[in-house]
């Protein structure tokens, strides 16, 4: 088990790595989520157990992901349970190594869970957690999972669906940036 000082040291190193990339992205400026956090599992697989969205909202989200240019939807390689993986297509030549695992930048858990896991700039990840829209993965600070890989709670309404789409696009933009924070010139995002 990693000690507390080592966790803090690793977190500071990761924050410095993301600093250049994050400077080129504007803040999310999220409002506070109205309800308390839903129940989630405390380990991997990391799932949402309460306050899940309706089936029709989940279906809209999954269908929408198929319309994102330069993104392929296929089974997740990150999730321990079946999930719709969001992968940068092979046409994207520059990628941020802090935002993908073998081209996967996130995934959506199937209904009735409906939560998502996404790589995001650390400033976005912190804002999402502080405003109540998601949480850090329980293994994120133990070197097993990058600390900027967060759970985004299942959307329960059309407004929440719009917010989740915006955050997915942030994750997509973060993944399609080079490690030095430059926008990818190989695709139009």
N, C-alpha and C. Protein backbone atom coordinates (compact mmCIF):
# COMPACT_ATOMS: atom_id res chain seq x y z
N UNK A 1 0.85 -1.19 0.00
CA UNK A 1 0.00 0.00 0.00
C UNK A 1 0.88 1.24 0.00
N UNK A 2 0.55 2.17 -0.83
CA UNK A 2 1.30 3.41 -0.95
C UNK A 2 1.02 4.31 0.24
N UNK A 3 2.07 4.96 0.74
CA UNK A 3 1.91 5.86 1.87
C UNK A 3 1.37 7.21 1.46
N UNK A 4 0.83 7.93 2.42
CA UNK A 4 0.23 9.25 2.17
C UNK A 4 1.20 10.23 1.53
N UNK A 5 2.45 10.36 2.02
CA UNK A 5 3.38 11.32 1.38
C UNK A 5 3.64 10.97 -0.08
N UNK A 6 3.73 9.68 -0.41
CA UNK A 6 3.96 9.27 -1.79
C UNK A 6 2.77 9.61 -2.68
N UNK A 7 1.56 9.47 -2.16
CA UNK A 7 0.36 9.81 -2.92
C UNK A 7 0.35 11.30 -3.23
N UNK A 8 0.66 12.14 -2.24
CA UNK A 8 0.70 13.58 -2.44
C UNK A 8 1.78 13.94 -3.46
N UNK A 9 2.95 13.33 -3.35
CA UNK A 9 4.04 13.59 -4.28
C UNK A 9 3.63 13.22 -5.71
N UNK A 10 3.04 12.06 -5.88
CA UNK A 10 2.59 11.63 -7.21
C UNK A 10 1.53 12.57 -7.77
N UNK A 11 0.61 13.01 -6.92
CA UNK A 11 -0.43 13.94 -7.36
C UNK A 11 0.18 15.25 -7.84
N UNK A 12 1.16 15.78 -7.11
CA UNK A 12 1.81 17.02 -7.52
C UNK A 12 2.53 16.86 -8.85
N UNK A 13 3.18 15.74 -9.06
CA UNK A 13 3.85 15.48 -10.33
C UNK A 13 2.83 15.45 -11.46
N UNK A 14 1.70 14.77 -11.25
CA UNK A 14 0.67 14.69 -12.27
C UNK A 14 0.08 16.06 -12.56
N UNK A 15 -0.12 16.88 -11.53
CA UNK A 15 -0.65 18.22 -11.74
C UNK A 15 0.29 19.06 -12.60
N UNK A 16 1.58 18.93 -12.38
CA UNK A 16 2.55 19.67 -13.18
C UNK A 16 2.53 19.21 -14.64
N UNK A 17 2.35 17.92 -14.87
CA UNK A 17 2.28 17.39 -16.23
C UNK A 17 1.10 17.97 -17.00
N UNK A 18 -0.03 18.15 -16.33
CA UNK A 18 -1.23 18.62 -17.00
C UNK A 18 -1.28 20.14 -17.13
N UNK A 19 -0.43 20.84 -16.43
CA UNK A 19 -0.51 22.29 -16.38
C UNK A 19 -0.45 22.92 -17.78
N UNK A 20 0.46 22.50 -18.63
CA UNK A 20 0.57 23.06 -19.98
C UNK A 20 -0.69 22.80 -20.79
N UNK A 21 -1.19 21.58 -20.75
CA UNK A 21 -2.38 21.22 -21.53
C UNK A 21 -3.59 22.01 -21.06
N UNK A 22 -3.76 22.16 -19.78
CA UNK A 22 -4.93 22.82 -19.24
C UNK A 22 -4.96 24.31 -19.55
N UNK A 23 -3.83 24.95 -19.72
CA UNK A 23 -3.81 26.39 -19.98
C UNK A 23 -4.50 26.74 -21.27
N UNK A 24 -4.58 25.80 -22.21
CA UNK A 24 -5.19 26.10 -23.50
C UNK A 24 -6.70 25.84 -23.50
N UNK A 25 -7.27 25.40 -22.39
CA UNK A 25 -8.71 25.13 -22.31
C UNK A 25 -9.35 26.08 -21.30
N UNK A 26 -10.51 26.62 -21.65
CA UNK A 26 -11.25 27.50 -20.74
C UNK A 26 -11.90 26.67 -19.64
N UNK A 27 -12.29 27.33 -18.54
CA UNK A 27 -12.94 26.63 -17.44
C UNK A 27 -14.33 26.14 -17.84
N UNK A 28 -14.77 25.06 -17.20
CA UNK A 28 -16.11 24.51 -17.46
C UNK A 28 -17.22 25.43 -16.96
N UNK A 29 -17.02 26.02 -15.79
CA UNK A 29 -18.02 26.89 -15.16
C UNK A 29 -19.35 26.17 -14.92
N UNK A 30 -19.28 25.06 -14.19
CA UNK A 30 -20.46 24.27 -13.87
C UNK A 30 -21.23 24.87 -12.70
N UNK A 31 -22.53 24.65 -12.70
CA UNK A 31 -23.34 24.98 -11.53
C UNK A 31 -23.27 23.79 -10.57
N UNK A 32 -23.70 23.99 -9.34
CA UNK A 32 -23.74 22.89 -8.37
C UNK A 32 -24.85 21.92 -8.75
N UNK A 33 -24.58 20.62 -8.60
CA UNK A 33 -25.61 19.59 -8.81
C UNK A 33 -26.58 19.68 -7.64
N UNK A 34 -27.87 19.55 -7.92
CA UNK A 34 -28.90 19.79 -6.90
C UNK A 34 -28.98 18.73 -5.81
N UNK A 35 -28.73 17.48 -6.11
CA UNK A 35 -28.87 16.41 -5.12
C UNK A 35 -27.53 16.03 -4.51
N UNK A 36 -27.61 15.26 -3.43
CA UNK A 36 -26.40 14.70 -2.85
C UNK A 36 -25.84 13.66 -3.82
N UNK A 37 -24.63 13.26 -3.59
CA UNK A 37 -23.99 12.28 -4.47
C UNK A 37 -24.72 10.94 -4.43
N UNK A 38 -24.83 10.27 -5.57
CA UNK A 38 -25.45 8.95 -5.57
C UNK A 38 -24.52 7.93 -4.90
N UNK A 39 -25.08 6.80 -4.56
CA UNK A 39 -24.28 5.70 -4.03
C UNK A 39 -23.48 5.10 -5.18
N UNK A 40 -22.21 4.80 -4.91
CA UNK A 40 -21.35 4.15 -5.91
C UNK A 40 -20.56 3.05 -5.23
N UNK A 41 -19.99 2.17 -6.03
CA UNK A 41 -19.14 1.13 -5.47
C UNK A 41 -17.81 1.75 -5.06
N UNK A 42 -17.16 1.14 -4.09
CA UNK A 42 -15.92 1.70 -3.53
C UNK A 42 -14.67 1.09 -4.13
N UNK A 43 -14.82 0.30 -5.17
CA UNK A 43 -13.67 -0.33 -5.80
C UNK A 43 -13.96 -0.52 -7.28
N UNK A 44 -13.14 -1.30 -7.93
CA UNK A 44 -13.33 -1.56 -9.35
C UNK A 44 -13.99 -2.92 -9.54
N UNK A 45 -15.03 -3.08 -10.35
CA UNK A 45 -15.58 -2.05 -11.22
C UNK A 45 -16.33 -0.98 -10.43
N UNK A 46 -16.11 0.26 -10.86
CA UNK A 46 -16.68 1.45 -10.22
C UNK A 46 -18.02 1.73 -10.88
N UNK A 47 -19.11 1.53 -10.16
CA UNK A 47 -20.45 1.68 -10.72
C UNK A 47 -21.30 2.62 -9.88
N UNK A 48 -22.29 3.22 -10.52
CA UNK A 48 -23.27 4.07 -9.85
C UNK A 48 -24.46 3.19 -9.47
N UNK A 49 -24.87 3.27 -8.19
CA UNK A 49 -25.91 2.38 -7.67
C UNK A 49 -27.26 3.05 -7.43
N UNK A 50 -27.31 4.38 -7.41
CA UNK A 50 -28.57 5.09 -7.17
C UNK A 50 -28.61 6.35 -8.02
N UNK A 51 -29.78 7.00 -8.07
CA UNK A 51 -30.00 8.22 -8.84
C UNK A 51 -29.63 8.05 -10.32
N UNK A 52 -29.91 6.88 -10.86
CA UNK A 52 -29.59 6.61 -12.25
C UNK A 52 -30.64 7.24 -13.17
N UNK A 53 -30.20 7.63 -14.35
CA UNK A 53 -31.10 8.23 -15.33
C UNK A 53 -32.03 7.21 -15.96
N UNK A 54 -33.07 7.72 -16.60
CA UNK A 54 -34.06 6.86 -17.28
C UNK A 54 -33.44 6.25 -18.53
N UNK A 55 -34.03 5.14 -18.97
CA UNK A 55 -33.52 4.42 -20.14
C UNK A 55 -33.49 5.32 -21.38
N UNK A 56 -34.53 6.13 -21.61
CA UNK A 56 -34.56 6.95 -22.82
C UNK A 56 -33.45 8.00 -22.82
N UNK A 57 -33.06 8.51 -21.65
CA UNK A 57 -31.97 9.48 -21.56
C UNK A 57 -30.64 8.77 -21.88
N UNK A 58 -30.47 7.59 -21.32
CA UNK A 58 -29.25 6.81 -21.58
C UNK A 58 -29.13 6.49 -23.06
N UNK A 59 -30.23 6.10 -23.66
CA UNK A 59 -30.23 5.75 -25.09
C UNK A 59 -29.86 6.97 -25.94
N UNK A 60 -30.41 8.14 -25.60
CA UNK A 60 -30.07 9.37 -26.33
C UNK A 60 -28.57 9.65 -26.25
N UNK A 61 -28.00 9.46 -25.06
CA UNK A 61 -26.57 9.70 -24.88
C UNK A 61 -25.74 8.76 -25.75
N UNK A 62 -26.05 7.49 -25.69
CA UNK A 62 -25.28 6.51 -26.47
C UNK A 62 -25.42 6.79 -27.96
N UNK A 63 -26.62 7.08 -28.43
CA UNK A 63 -26.82 7.39 -29.85
C UNK A 63 -26.05 8.65 -30.25
N UNK A 64 -26.07 9.65 -29.40
CA UNK A 64 -25.34 10.89 -29.68
C UNK A 64 -23.85 10.66 -29.86
N UNK A 65 -23.26 9.76 -29.04
CA UNK A 65 -21.81 9.52 -29.14
C UNK A 65 -21.43 9.01 -30.52
N UNK A 66 -22.34 8.36 -31.21
CA UNK A 66 -22.05 7.85 -32.56
C UNK A 66 -21.95 8.98 -33.57
N UNK A 67 -22.35 10.19 -33.20
CA UNK A 67 -22.30 11.32 -34.13
C UNK A 67 -21.05 12.18 -33.96
N UNK A 68 -20.20 11.87 -33.00
CA UNK A 68 -19.00 12.67 -32.77
C UNK A 68 -17.96 12.29 -33.83
N UNK A 69 -17.51 13.29 -34.58
CA UNK A 69 -16.51 13.06 -35.63
C UNK A 69 -15.22 12.51 -35.03
N UNK A 70 -14.61 11.58 -35.74
CA UNK A 70 -13.32 11.00 -35.38
C UNK A 70 -13.36 10.21 -34.07
N UNK A 71 -14.55 9.72 -33.70
CA UNK A 71 -14.70 8.87 -32.52
C UNK A 71 -15.33 7.56 -32.96
N UNK A 72 -14.77 6.47 -32.46
CA UNK A 72 -15.31 5.14 -32.72
C UNK A 72 -15.87 4.59 -31.41
N UNK A 73 -17.03 3.96 -31.50
CA UNK A 73 -17.66 3.35 -30.33
C UNK A 73 -17.47 1.84 -30.45
N UNK A 74 -16.82 1.28 -29.45
CA UNK A 74 -16.60 -0.17 -29.42
C UNK A 74 -16.43 -0.59 -27.96
N UNK A 75 -16.39 -1.88 -27.68
CA UNK A 75 -16.29 -2.31 -26.28
C UNK A 75 -15.06 -1.71 -25.59
N UNK A 76 -15.28 -1.21 -24.39
CA UNK A 76 -14.22 -0.59 -23.61
C UNK A 76 -13.12 -1.59 -23.29
N UNK A 77 -11.89 -1.11 -23.34
CA UNK A 77 -10.76 -1.94 -22.89
C UNK A 77 -10.35 -1.56 -21.47
N UNK A 78 -10.91 -0.46 -20.97
CA UNK A 78 -10.59 0.01 -19.62
C UNK A 78 -11.54 -0.58 -18.59
N UNK A 79 -12.83 -0.57 -18.90
CA UNK A 79 -13.85 -1.01 -17.95
C UNK A 79 -13.77 -2.51 -17.70
N UNK A 80 -13.88 -2.88 -16.42
CA UNK A 80 -13.89 -4.31 -16.07
C UNK A 80 -15.22 -4.96 -16.41
N UNK A 81 -16.27 -4.16 -16.51
CA UNK A 81 -17.57 -4.68 -16.91
C UNK A 81 -17.88 -4.14 -18.30
N UNK A 82 -18.82 -4.74 -19.03
CA UNK A 82 -19.12 -4.26 -20.38
C UNK A 82 -19.49 -2.77 -20.37
N UNK A 83 -18.95 -2.02 -21.34
CA UNK A 83 -19.24 -0.60 -21.46
C UNK A 83 -18.99 -0.16 -22.90
N UNK A 84 -19.64 0.93 -23.30
CA UNK A 84 -19.46 1.52 -24.62
C UNK A 84 -18.20 2.38 -24.56
N UNK A 85 -17.11 1.92 -25.16
CA UNK A 85 -15.87 2.66 -25.16
C UNK A 85 -15.88 3.78 -26.18
N UNK A 86 -15.29 4.91 -25.83
CA UNK A 86 -15.15 6.07 -26.71
C UNK A 86 -13.68 6.14 -27.11
N UNK A 87 -13.40 5.89 -28.38
CA UNK A 87 -12.03 5.81 -28.88
C UNK A 87 -11.78 6.87 -29.94
N UNK A 88 -10.61 7.50 -29.89
CA UNK A 88 -10.19 8.38 -30.97
C UNK A 88 -9.95 7.49 -32.19
N UNK A 89 -10.44 7.91 -33.35
CA UNK A 89 -10.26 7.10 -34.56
C UNK A 89 -8.79 7.11 -34.98
N UNK A 90 -8.45 6.18 -35.85
CA UNK A 90 -7.08 6.06 -36.34
C UNK A 90 -6.63 7.29 -37.12
N UNK A 91 -7.58 8.11 -37.59
CA UNK A 91 -7.22 9.31 -38.35
C UNK A 91 -6.64 10.40 -37.47
N UNK A 92 -6.81 10.31 -36.16
CA UNK A 92 -6.24 11.28 -35.23
C UNK A 92 -4.79 10.88 -34.97
N UNK A 93 -3.88 11.71 -35.43
CA UNK A 93 -2.45 11.36 -35.35
C UNK A 93 -1.78 11.82 -34.07
N UNK A 94 -2.12 12.98 -33.56
CA UNK A 94 -1.55 13.48 -32.32
C UNK A 94 -2.52 13.19 -31.18
N UNK A 95 -2.01 12.67 -30.08
CA UNK A 95 -2.88 12.39 -28.95
C UNK A 95 -2.16 12.76 -27.66
N UNK A 96 -2.95 13.12 -26.66
CA UNK A 96 -2.42 13.44 -25.35
C UNK A 96 -2.27 12.13 -24.57
N UNK A 97 -1.05 11.72 -24.24
CA UNK A 97 -0.86 10.44 -23.54
C UNK A 97 -1.47 10.43 -22.13
N UNK A 98 -1.82 11.61 -21.59
CA UNK A 98 -2.43 11.68 -20.26
C UNK A 98 -3.95 11.60 -20.35
N UNK A 99 -4.48 11.35 -21.55
CA UNK A 99 -5.93 11.39 -21.75
C UNK A 99 -6.49 10.16 -22.43
N UNK A 100 -5.66 9.17 -22.65
CA UNK A 100 -6.13 7.98 -23.35
C UNK A 100 -5.43 6.72 -22.84
N UNK A 101 -6.07 5.58 -23.07
CA UNK A 101 -5.45 4.27 -22.93
C UNK A 101 -5.76 3.57 -24.25
N UNK A 102 -4.73 3.35 -25.05
CA UNK A 102 -4.89 2.72 -26.36
C UNK A 102 -6.04 3.34 -27.16
N UNK A 103 -6.06 4.66 -27.23
CA UNK A 103 -7.04 5.48 -27.96
C UNK A 103 -8.39 5.64 -27.24
N UNK A 104 -8.63 4.94 -26.14
CA UNK A 104 -9.88 5.10 -25.40
C UNK A 104 -9.74 6.29 -24.44
N UNK A 105 -10.68 7.25 -24.56
CA UNK A 105 -10.65 8.41 -23.66
C UNK A 105 -11.80 8.40 -22.68
N UNK A 106 -12.67 7.39 -22.76
CA UNK A 106 -13.76 7.26 -21.81
C UNK A 106 -14.69 6.14 -22.19
N UNK A 107 -15.65 5.90 -21.33
CA UNK A 107 -16.67 4.88 -21.64
C UNK A 107 -17.95 5.18 -20.87
N UNK A 108 -19.06 4.63 -21.39
CA UNK A 108 -20.38 4.78 -20.79
C UNK A 108 -20.84 3.41 -20.33
N UNK A 109 -21.19 3.30 -19.06
CA UNK A 109 -21.69 2.03 -18.55
C UNK A 109 -23.12 1.80 -19.04
N UNK A 110 -23.47 0.55 -19.32
CA UNK A 110 -24.81 0.28 -19.83
C UNK A 110 -25.90 0.58 -18.81
N UNK A 111 -27.11 0.78 -19.33
CA UNK A 111 -28.29 0.97 -18.49
C UNK A 111 -28.48 -0.29 -17.65
N UNK A 112 -28.83 -0.22 -16.37
CA UNK A 112 -29.36 0.93 -15.65
C UNK A 112 -28.31 1.81 -14.97
N UNK A 113 -27.02 1.44 -15.00
CA UNK A 113 -26.00 2.27 -14.37
C UNK A 113 -25.96 3.64 -15.05
N UNK A 114 -25.49 3.69 -16.28
CA UNK A 114 -25.49 4.93 -17.05
C UNK A 114 -24.40 5.93 -16.73
N UNK A 115 -23.56 5.64 -15.74
CA UNK A 115 -22.47 6.57 -15.43
C UNK A 115 -21.38 6.45 -16.48
N UNK A 116 -20.46 7.39 -16.46
CA UNK A 116 -19.37 7.41 -17.42
C UNK A 116 -18.05 7.52 -16.67
N UNK A 117 -16.99 7.09 -17.31
CA UNK A 117 -15.64 7.38 -16.85
C UNK A 117 -14.94 8.09 -18.00
N UNK A 118 -14.26 9.20 -17.68
CA UNK A 118 -13.60 10.02 -18.68
C UNK A 118 -12.26 10.52 -18.18
N UNK A 119 -11.31 10.68 -19.10
CA UNK A 119 -10.08 11.40 -18.82
C UNK A 119 -10.37 12.87 -19.06
N UNK A 120 -9.98 13.72 -18.13
CA UNK A 120 -10.19 15.16 -18.24
C UNK A 120 -8.98 15.90 -17.69
N UNK A 121 -8.80 17.16 -18.09
CA UNK A 121 -7.77 17.95 -17.42
C UNK A 121 -8.07 17.97 -15.92
N UNK A 122 -7.05 17.99 -15.11
CA UNK A 122 -7.25 17.92 -13.66
C UNK A 122 -8.12 19.06 -13.15
N UNK A 123 -8.03 20.26 -13.75
CA UNK A 123 -8.88 21.36 -13.29
C UNK A 123 -10.35 21.04 -13.53
N UNK A 124 -10.67 20.41 -14.66
CA UNK A 124 -12.05 20.00 -14.94
C UNK A 124 -12.48 18.90 -13.98
N UNK A 125 -11.61 17.93 -13.77
CA UNK A 125 -11.94 16.82 -12.87
C UNK A 125 -12.26 17.34 -11.48
N UNK A 126 -11.44 18.25 -10.99
CA UNK A 126 -11.68 18.81 -9.65
C UNK A 126 -12.99 19.58 -9.61
N UNK A 127 -13.27 20.38 -10.64
CA UNK A 127 -14.51 21.15 -10.66
C UNK A 127 -15.73 20.23 -10.67
N UNK A 128 -15.67 19.15 -11.45
CA UNK A 128 -16.78 18.20 -11.52
C UNK A 128 -17.03 17.57 -10.15
N UNK A 129 -15.97 17.22 -9.46
CA UNK A 129 -16.10 16.61 -8.13
C UNK A 129 -16.63 17.64 -7.12
N UNK A 130 -16.05 18.82 -7.09
CA UNK A 130 -16.46 19.85 -6.13
C UNK A 130 -17.91 20.26 -6.34
N UNK A 131 -18.36 20.35 -7.59
CA UNK A 131 -19.73 20.78 -7.89
C UNK A 131 -20.74 19.63 -7.79
N UNK A 132 -20.25 18.41 -7.51
CA UNK A 132 -21.15 17.29 -7.26
C UNK A 132 -21.60 16.50 -8.48
N UNK A 133 -20.95 16.69 -9.63
CA UNK A 133 -21.36 16.00 -10.86
C UNK A 133 -20.65 14.66 -11.05
N UNK A 134 -19.65 14.39 -10.23
CA UNK A 134 -18.91 13.15 -10.38
C UNK A 134 -17.97 12.96 -9.20
N UNK A 135 -17.12 11.95 -9.33
CA UNK A 135 -16.18 11.63 -8.26
C UNK A 135 -14.92 11.01 -8.85
N UNK A 136 -13.85 11.12 -8.09
CA UNK A 136 -12.62 10.45 -8.49
C UNK A 136 -12.81 8.95 -8.35
N UNK A 137 -12.16 8.20 -9.22
CA UNK A 137 -12.19 6.75 -9.13
C UNK A 137 -11.56 6.35 -7.80
N UNK A 138 -12.12 5.36 -7.08
CA UNK A 138 -11.57 5.00 -5.77
C UNK A 138 -10.11 4.54 -5.81
N UNK A 139 -9.63 4.11 -6.95
CA UNK A 139 -8.24 3.66 -7.05
C UNK A 139 -7.33 4.70 -7.72
N UNK A 140 -7.87 5.89 -7.97
CA UNK A 140 -7.14 6.91 -8.74
C UNK A 140 -5.84 7.37 -8.09
N UNK A 141 -5.77 7.43 -6.80
CA UNK A 141 -4.58 7.96 -6.16
C UNK A 141 -3.68 6.85 -5.61
N UNK A 142 -3.89 5.63 -6.07
CA UNK A 142 -3.08 4.50 -5.64
C UNK A 142 -2.25 3.93 -6.78
N UNK A 143 -1.99 4.75 -7.80
CA UNK A 143 -1.16 4.42 -8.96
C UNK A 143 -1.79 3.38 -9.89
N UNK A 144 -2.95 2.85 -9.57
CA UNK A 144 -3.57 1.87 -10.46
C UNK A 144 -4.32 2.54 -11.59
N UNK A 145 -4.86 3.72 -11.33
CA UNK A 145 -5.67 4.45 -12.30
C UNK A 145 -5.23 5.91 -12.26
N UNK A 146 -5.06 6.56 -13.42
CA UNK A 146 -4.67 7.98 -13.40
C UNK A 146 -5.67 8.83 -12.61
N UNK A 147 -5.16 9.81 -11.90
CA UNK A 147 -6.02 10.63 -11.04
C UNK A 147 -6.98 11.51 -11.83
N UNK A 148 -6.73 11.73 -13.11
CA UNK A 148 -7.64 12.55 -13.91
C UNK A 148 -8.69 11.71 -14.64
N UNK A 149 -8.83 10.45 -14.26
CA UNK A 149 -9.86 9.55 -14.82
C UNK A 149 -11.00 9.50 -13.80
N UNK A 150 -12.10 10.17 -14.11
CA UNK A 150 -13.17 10.33 -13.12
C UNK A 150 -14.46 9.67 -13.56
N UNK A 151 -15.32 9.44 -12.57
CA UNK A 151 -16.69 9.01 -12.86
C UNK A 151 -17.55 10.26 -12.98
N UNK A 152 -18.32 10.32 -14.05
CA UNK A 152 -19.33 11.35 -14.25
C UNK A 152 -20.68 10.67 -14.04
N UNK A 153 -21.51 11.22 -13.15
CA UNK A 153 -22.76 10.56 -12.82
C UNK A 153 -23.73 10.52 -14.01
N UNK A 154 -24.57 9.52 -14.00
CA UNK A 154 -25.58 9.30 -15.03
C UNK A 154 -26.51 10.50 -15.16
N UNK A 155 -26.73 11.00 -16.40
CA UNK A 155 -27.67 12.11 -16.56
C UNK A 155 -29.11 11.65 -16.33
N UNK A 156 -29.88 12.49 -15.61
CA UNK A 156 -31.26 12.12 -15.25
C UNK A 156 -32.31 12.97 -15.95
N UNK A 157 -31.89 13.99 -16.65
CA UNK A 157 -32.83 14.90 -17.32
C UNK A 157 -32.19 15.39 -18.62
N UNK A 158 -32.97 16.09 -19.42
CA UNK A 158 -32.45 16.65 -20.66
C UNK A 158 -31.35 17.68 -20.36
N UNK A 159 -31.52 18.49 -19.32
CA UNK A 159 -30.50 19.46 -18.95
C UNK A 159 -29.20 18.77 -18.54
N UNK A 160 -29.32 17.73 -17.73
CA UNK A 160 -28.12 16.99 -17.32
C UNK A 160 -27.48 16.29 -18.51
N UNK A 161 -28.28 15.81 -19.44
CA UNK A 161 -27.76 15.18 -20.65
C UNK A 161 -26.93 16.19 -21.45
N UNK A 162 -27.41 17.41 -21.56
CA UNK A 162 -26.66 18.46 -22.27
C UNK A 162 -25.33 18.73 -21.60
N UNK A 163 -25.33 18.77 -20.27
CA UNK A 163 -24.10 18.99 -19.52
C UNK A 163 -23.12 17.84 -19.74
N UNK A 164 -23.61 16.61 -19.69
CA UNK A 164 -22.76 15.43 -19.88
C UNK A 164 -22.16 15.43 -21.29
N UNK A 165 -22.94 15.80 -22.29
CA UNK A 165 -22.41 15.89 -23.66
C UNK A 165 -21.27 16.91 -23.73
N UNK A 166 -21.45 18.03 -23.07
CA UNK A 166 -20.42 19.07 -23.06
C UNK A 166 -19.14 18.55 -22.42
N UNK A 167 -19.28 17.79 -21.34
CA UNK A 167 -18.10 17.25 -20.65
C UNK A 167 -17.44 16.16 -21.49
N UNK A 168 -18.23 15.34 -22.18
CA UNK A 168 -17.65 14.35 -23.09
C UNK A 168 -16.82 15.05 -24.17
N UNK A 169 -17.34 16.14 -24.71
CA UNK A 169 -16.59 16.88 -25.73
C UNK A 169 -15.32 17.48 -25.16
N UNK A 170 -15.33 17.86 -23.89
CA UNK A 170 -14.11 18.35 -23.23
C UNK A 170 -13.08 17.22 -23.14
N UNK A 171 -13.54 16.05 -22.77
CA UNK A 171 -12.65 14.91 -22.69
C UNK A 171 -12.07 14.58 -24.06
N UNK A 172 -12.91 14.62 -25.06
CA UNK A 172 -12.50 14.37 -26.45
C UNK A 172 -11.45 15.39 -26.88
N UNK A 173 -11.68 16.67 -26.61
CA UNK A 173 -10.72 17.71 -26.97
C UNK A 173 -9.40 17.52 -26.22
N UNK A 174 -9.49 17.16 -24.95
CA UNK A 174 -8.29 16.91 -24.14
C UNK A 174 -7.50 15.74 -24.72
N UNK A 175 -8.20 14.69 -25.14
CA UNK A 175 -7.53 13.52 -25.70
C UNK A 175 -6.88 13.82 -27.05
N UNK A 176 -7.50 14.70 -27.82
CA UNK A 176 -7.00 15.00 -29.16
C UNK A 176 -5.95 16.11 -29.18
N UNK A 177 -5.53 16.56 -28.01
CA UNK A 177 -4.44 17.54 -27.92
C UNK A 177 -3.13 16.79 -27.79
N UNK A 178 -2.08 17.42 -28.23
CA UNK A 178 -0.76 16.82 -28.00
C UNK A 178 -0.39 17.06 -26.54
N UNK A 179 0.62 16.39 -26.07
CA UNK A 179 1.02 16.47 -24.66
C UNK A 179 1.45 17.88 -24.27
N UNK A 180 1.87 18.71 -25.23
CA UNK A 180 2.31 20.06 -24.88
C UNK A 180 1.17 21.07 -24.91
N UNK A 181 -0.07 20.60 -25.08
CA UNK A 181 -1.22 21.49 -25.01
C UNK A 181 -1.62 22.10 -26.33
N UNK A 182 -0.93 21.74 -27.42
CA UNK A 182 -1.28 22.26 -28.74
C UNK A 182 -2.51 21.53 -29.27
N UNK A 183 -3.39 22.27 -29.94
CA UNK A 183 -4.56 21.64 -30.55
C UNK A 183 -4.10 20.75 -31.67
N UNK A 184 -4.78 19.67 -31.87
CA UNK A 184 -4.46 18.72 -32.92
C UNK A 184 -4.80 19.35 -34.27
N UNK A 185 -3.83 19.46 -35.14
CA UNK A 185 -4.06 20.05 -36.46
C UNK A 185 -4.48 19.00 -37.48
N UNK A 186 -4.55 17.76 -37.07
CA UNK A 186 -4.90 16.68 -38.00
C UNK A 186 -6.41 16.44 -38.09
N UNK A 187 -7.17 17.02 -37.20
CA UNK A 187 -8.63 16.85 -37.22
C UNK A 187 -9.29 18.19 -36.92
N UNK A 188 -10.50 18.37 -37.36
CA UNK A 188 -11.29 19.55 -37.00
C UNK A 188 -12.17 19.20 -35.82
N UNK A 189 -11.92 19.81 -34.70
CA UNK A 189 -12.72 19.53 -33.50
C UNK A 189 -13.61 20.71 -33.21
